Amino acid sequence: MKALVLVSGGLDSTTCLALAVKEYGHENVVGLSIFYGQRHDKEIKAADAVCEYYKVEHITLDLSTMFQFSDCTLLQHSDGEIPEESYDKQLEKTDGKPVSTYVPFRNGLFLSSAAAIALSKGCSKIYYGAHADDAAGNAYPDCSSDFNNAMNTAIYEGSGKQLSIEAPFINKNKAGVVKVGMELGVSYELTWSCYEGHDKACGKCGTCIDRIAAFELNGIKDPIEYEN
């Protein structure tokens, strides 16, 4: 059996990759990274480093034109500022809508693209790192259990029942992901989560705040450097 893992270069997807390598062996795992028009290439460079570390085949795909009409603040063409506050505080201002860094239906597009590649590469599983903290409060609705179940059904049926999704952290928070990663010996110093593309992580955006807290809840220090 083979598995394809969506690898962003971040903490969650890297932990997924480590799980898949443990389960299937590095020779039976394919990493897929997707450029979607994000502000910087730090994520893709981190994904390269992670895949090289785990000795897995690494495929990259450019889907940036799909998001050319979006004003999501993560995208290069957006004039919006990335919020420097927690997701909880951001959600207080959205009236139930996703946060400004939600890329429209990104995981749906990523999983569909991954399905096409996975089938072509002889894989039977797609791993991705959605977790409960991102889905909370509708911040990122394409990280929810309901979304995952619907996509899994669609991909399973649409692939002739050859392919299914594995989302091992769908009911875990980010601290739970770090706990699993520490047990697996994940080299988190290779990863990049920050929405900014500076030399060091900003420590202020929603994903940095969540990441720092996840390590603290496990009683350990995040191995990457922050600006403050």
Protein backbone atom coordinates (compact mmCIF):
# COMPACT_ATOMS: atom_id res chain seq x y z
CA MET A 1 0.00 0.00 0.00
CA LYS A 2 1.06 3.57 -0.69
CA ALA A 3 0.01 6.92 0.75
CA LEU A 4 0.07 10.50 -0.51
CA VAL A 5 0.51 13.23 2.10
CA LEU A 6 -0.41 16.88 1.59
CA VAL A 7 2.74 18.59 2.86
CA SER A 8 2.62 22.33 3.51
CA GLY A 9 5.88 22.55 5.41
CA GLY A 10 3.98 23.29 8.61
CA LEU A 11 3.72 21.50 11.93
CA ASP A 12 0.52 19.55 11.29
CA SER A 13 1.32 18.21 7.83
CA THR A 14 4.86 17.27 8.86
CA THR A 15 3.45 15.21 11.73
CA CYS A 16 1.10 13.55 9.21
CA LEU A 17 4.08 12.74 7.02
CA ALA A 18 5.92 11.18 9.95
CA LEU A 19 2.86 9.02 10.72
CA ALA A 20 2.56 7.89 7.10
CA VAL A 21 6.26 7.03 6.87
CA LYS A 22 6.01 5.01 10.07
CA GLU A 23 2.95 3.16 8.71
CA TYR A 24 4.02 2.55 5.12
CA GLY A 25 7.79 3.14 4.91
CA HIS A 26 9.34 6.14 3.15
CA GLU A 27 9.53 4.31 -0.18
CA ASN A 28 5.72 4.01 -0.21
CA VAL A 29 4.94 7.64 0.65
CA VAL A 30 4.55 10.58 -1.74
CA GLY A 31 4.55 14.19 -0.54
CA LEU A 32 2.44 16.75 -2.42
CA SER A 33 2.95 20.49 -1.87
CA ILE A 34 0.73 23.09 -3.48
CA PHE A 35 1.53 26.70 -4.31
CA TYR A 36 -1.71 28.64 -4.09
CA GLY A 37 -0.45 32.20 -4.46
CA GLN A 38 0.64 32.64 -0.85
CA ARG A 39 2.70 35.69 0.09
CA HIS A 40 6.01 33.85 0.43
CA ASP A 41 7.81 30.62 -0.51
CA LYS A 42 8.95 29.74 3.02
CA GLU A 43 6.27 27.03 3.24
CA ILE A 44 7.40 25.31 0.04
CA LYS A 45 11.06 25.48 1.09
CA ALA A 46 10.15 23.93 4.44
CA ALA A 47 8.17 21.22 2.66
CA ASP A 48 11.24 20.48 0.51
CA ALA A 49 13.38 20.13 3.62
CA VAL A 50 10.84 17.92 5.38
CA CYS A 51 10.42 15.58 2.41
CA GLU A 52 14.18 15.35 1.96
CA TYR A 53 14.57 14.52 5.66
CA TYR A 54 12.01 11.70 5.42
CA LYS A 55 13.38 10.55 2.04
CA VAL A 56 10.01 10.66 0.29
CA GLU A 57 9.19 11.60 -3.27
CA HIS A 58 8.09 15.25 -3.38
CA ILE A 59 5.68 16.61 -5.99
CA THR A 60 4.80 20.31 -6.26
CA LEU A 61 1.73 21.74 -7.97
CA ASP A 62 0.80 25.34 -8.83
CA LEU A 63 -2.90 26.11 -8.32
CA SER A 64 -2.50 29.85 -7.77
CA THR A 65 -4.77 30.88 -10.65
CA MET A 66 -7.70 29.23 -8.87
CA PHE A 67 -7.56 31.91 -6.17
CA GLN A 68 -6.92 34.97 -8.35
CA PHE A 69 -10.35 36.41 -7.53
CA SER A 70 -10.06 35.98 -3.77
CA ASP A 71 -9.15 38.83 -1.40
CA CYS A 72 -7.88 36.41 1.27
CA THR A 73 -5.14 38.17 3.21
CA LEU A 74 -2.76 35.21 2.77
CA LEU A 75 -2.50 35.81 -0.97
CA GLN A 76 0.17 37.85 -2.78
CA HIS A 77 -2.30 40.11 -4.54
CA SER A 78 -4.30 41.00 -1.44
CA ASP A 79 -4.04 44.50 0.03
CA GLY A 80 -5.34 43.29 3.38
CA GLU A 81 -3.23 42.95 6.50
CA ILE A 82 -2.75 39.60 8.20
CA PRO A 83 -4.34 39.95 11.65
CA GLU A 84 -1.92 39.96 14.57
CA GLU A 85 -4.22 38.32 17.10
CA SER A 86 -5.60 34.93 18.07
CA TYR A 87 -8.32 33.22 16.06
CA ASP A 88 -10.73 33.63 18.98
CA LYS A 89 -10.35 37.40 18.82
CA GLN A 90 -10.64 37.39 15.04
CA LEU A 91 -13.86 35.38 15.17
CA GLU A 92 -15.44 37.94 17.47
CA LYS A 93 -15.45 40.30 14.47
CA THR A 94 -16.55 37.96 11.66
CA ASP A 95 -20.23 37.44 12.52
CA GLY A 96 -19.91 33.67 12.12
CA LYS A 97 -17.95 33.80 8.89
CA PRO A 98 -14.44 32.35 8.41
CA VAL A 99 -11.40 34.47 9.30
CA SER A 100 -9.69 36.67 6.69
CA THR A 101 -6.88 34.11 6.23
CA TYR A 102 -9.36 31.44 5.07
CA VAL A 103 -8.50 30.61 1.45
CA PRO A 104 -11.84 29.78 -0.24
CA PHE A 105 -12.40 26.00 -0.29
CA ARG A 106 -8.65 25.43 -0.33
CA ASN A 107 -8.73 22.01 1.30
CA GLY A 108 -11.49 20.90 -1.06
CA LEU A 109 -9.37 21.81 -4.06
CA PHE A 110 -6.21 20.37 -2.51
CA LEU A 111 -7.85 17.05 -1.68
CA SER A 112 -9.43 16.76 -5.14
CA SER A 113 -6.07 17.44 -6.78
CA ALA A 114 -4.39 15.02 -4.40
CA ALA A 115 -6.94 12.35 -5.32
CA ALA A 116 -6.11 12.60 -9.01
CA ILE A 117 -2.38 12.35 -8.32
CA ALA A 118 -2.76 9.64 -5.67
CA LEU A 119 -4.70 7.40 -8.05
CA SER A 120 -2.09 7.95 -10.75
CA LYS A 121 0.69 7.04 -8.30
CA GLY A 122 -1.01 3.90 -7.01
CA CYS A 123 -1.84 5.27 -3.57
CA SER A 124 -4.81 4.11 -1.50
CA LYS A 125 -4.69 6.83 1.19
CA ILE A 126 -4.46 10.62 1.29
CA TYR A 127 -3.23 12.12 4.55
CA TYR A 128 -3.80 15.74 5.54
CA GLY A 129 -3.32 17.62 8.79
CA ALA A 130 -6.67 19.25 9.57
CA HIS A 131 -7.24 19.55 13.31
CA ALA A 132 -9.98 20.65 15.69
CA ASP A 133 -8.46 24.03 16.64
CA ASP A 134 -8.60 25.25 13.02
CA ALA A 135 -12.22 24.13 12.62
CA ALA A 136 -13.35 25.72 15.92
CA GLY A 137 -15.74 28.62 15.58
CA ASN A 138 -15.93 28.20 11.80
CA ALA A 139 -12.49 29.83 11.41
CA TYR A 140 -11.54 27.30 8.73
CA PRO A 141 -14.68 25.32 7.84
CA ASP A 142 -12.74 23.07 5.46
CA CYS A 143 -10.96 21.59 8.49
CA SER A 144 -14.13 20.32 10.17
CA SER A 145 -15.21 16.72 10.73
CA ASP A 146 -18.32 17.26 8.60
CA PHE A 147 -16.22 18.54 5.71
CA ASN A 148 -13.73 15.71 6.07
CA ASN A 149 -16.47 13.07 6.09
CA ALA A 150 -18.14 14.56 3.01
CA MET A 151 -14.87 14.76 1.07
CA ASN A 152 -13.91 11.25 2.12
CA THR A 153 -17.20 9.91 0.81
CA ALA A 154 -16.85 11.82 -2.47
CA ILE A 155 -13.25 10.68 -3.04
CA TYR A 156 -13.98 7.08 -2.06
CA GLU A 157 -16.97 6.84 -4.39
CA GLY A 158 -15.40 8.92 -7.14
CA SER A 159 -12.26 6.77 -7.18
CA GLY A 160 -14.20 3.55 -7.59
CA LYS A 161 -13.66 2.82 -3.89
CA GLN A 162 -9.89 2.71 -4.39
CA LEU A 163 -8.93 5.77 -2.35
CA SER A 164 -9.82 7.27 1.03
CA ILE A 165 -8.77 10.16 3.25
CA GLU A 166 -6.87 9.82 6.50
CA ALA A 167 -7.17 12.87 8.79
CA PRO A 168 -5.55 11.61 12.02
CA PHE A 169 -5.89 14.90 13.91
CA ILE A 170 -9.45 15.84 12.97
CA ASN A 171 -10.55 15.46 16.61
CA LYS A 172 -7.30 16.66 18.22
CA ASN A 173 -6.19 20.16 19.09
CA LYS A 174 -2.80 21.49 18.04
CA ALA A 175 -1.25 20.55 21.38
CA GLY A 176 -2.38 16.98 20.69
CA VAL A 177 -0.67 17.10 17.31
CA VAL A 178 2.59 18.22 18.93
CA LYS A 179 2.29 15.44 21.49
CA VAL A 180 2.03 12.85 18.72
CA GLY A 181 4.92 14.48 16.89
CA MET A 182 7.18 14.43 19.90
CA GLU A 183 6.48 10.71 20.34
CA LEU A 184 7.48 10.22 16.69
CA GLY A 185 10.60 12.37 17.02
CA VAL A 186 9.47 14.90 14.42
CA SER A 187 12.14 17.49 13.56
CA TYR A 188 9.96 20.55 14.06
CA GLU A 189 12.94 22.85 13.53
CA LEU A 190 12.51 22.14 9.79
CA THR A 191 8.92 23.39 9.72
CA TRP A 192 7.39 26.80 9.00
CA SER A 193 3.90 27.83 10.12
CA CYS A 194 3.99 31.65 10.11
CA TYR A 195 1.81 33.55 7.64
CA GLU A 196 4.57 36.10 7.14
CA GLY A 197 7.71 35.40 5.13
CA HIS A 198 10.35 37.04 7.31
CA ASP A 199 13.66 35.49 8.35
CA LYS A 200 12.07 34.53 11.67
CA ALA A 201 8.44 33.69 12.46
CA CYS A 202 6.46 36.77 13.51
CA GLY A 203 4.98 35.27 16.69
CA LYS A 204 1.89 37.47 16.26
CA CYS A 205 -0.33 35.93 13.56
CA GLY A 206 -3.03 33.42 14.50
CA THR A 207 -1.06 30.37 13.45
CA CYS A 208 2.09 31.48 15.33
CA ILE A 209 0.04 32.10 18.48
CA ASP A 210 -1.52 28.63 18.22
CA ARG A 211 1.82 26.98 17.52
CA ILE A 212 3.63 28.58 20.46
CA ALA A 213 0.77 27.63 22.79
CA ALA A 214 0.77 24.02 21.53
CA PHE A 215 4.41 23.55 22.47
CA GLU A 216 3.93 25.30 25.83
CA LEU A 217 1.02 22.98 26.67
CA ASN A 218 3.40 20.07 26.11
CA GLY A 219 5.97 21.63 28.44
CA ILE A 220 8.55 22.20 25.71
CA LYS A 221 9.89 25.16 23.75
CA ASP A 222 9.19 25.56 20.07
CA PRO A 223 12.54 24.90 18.31
CA ILE A 224 12.11 27.62 15.65
CA GLU A 225 13.07 31.27 16.18
CA TYR A 226 10.60 34.13 16.57
CA GLU A 227 11.01 37.86 16.10
CA ASN A 228 9.77 38.59 19.63
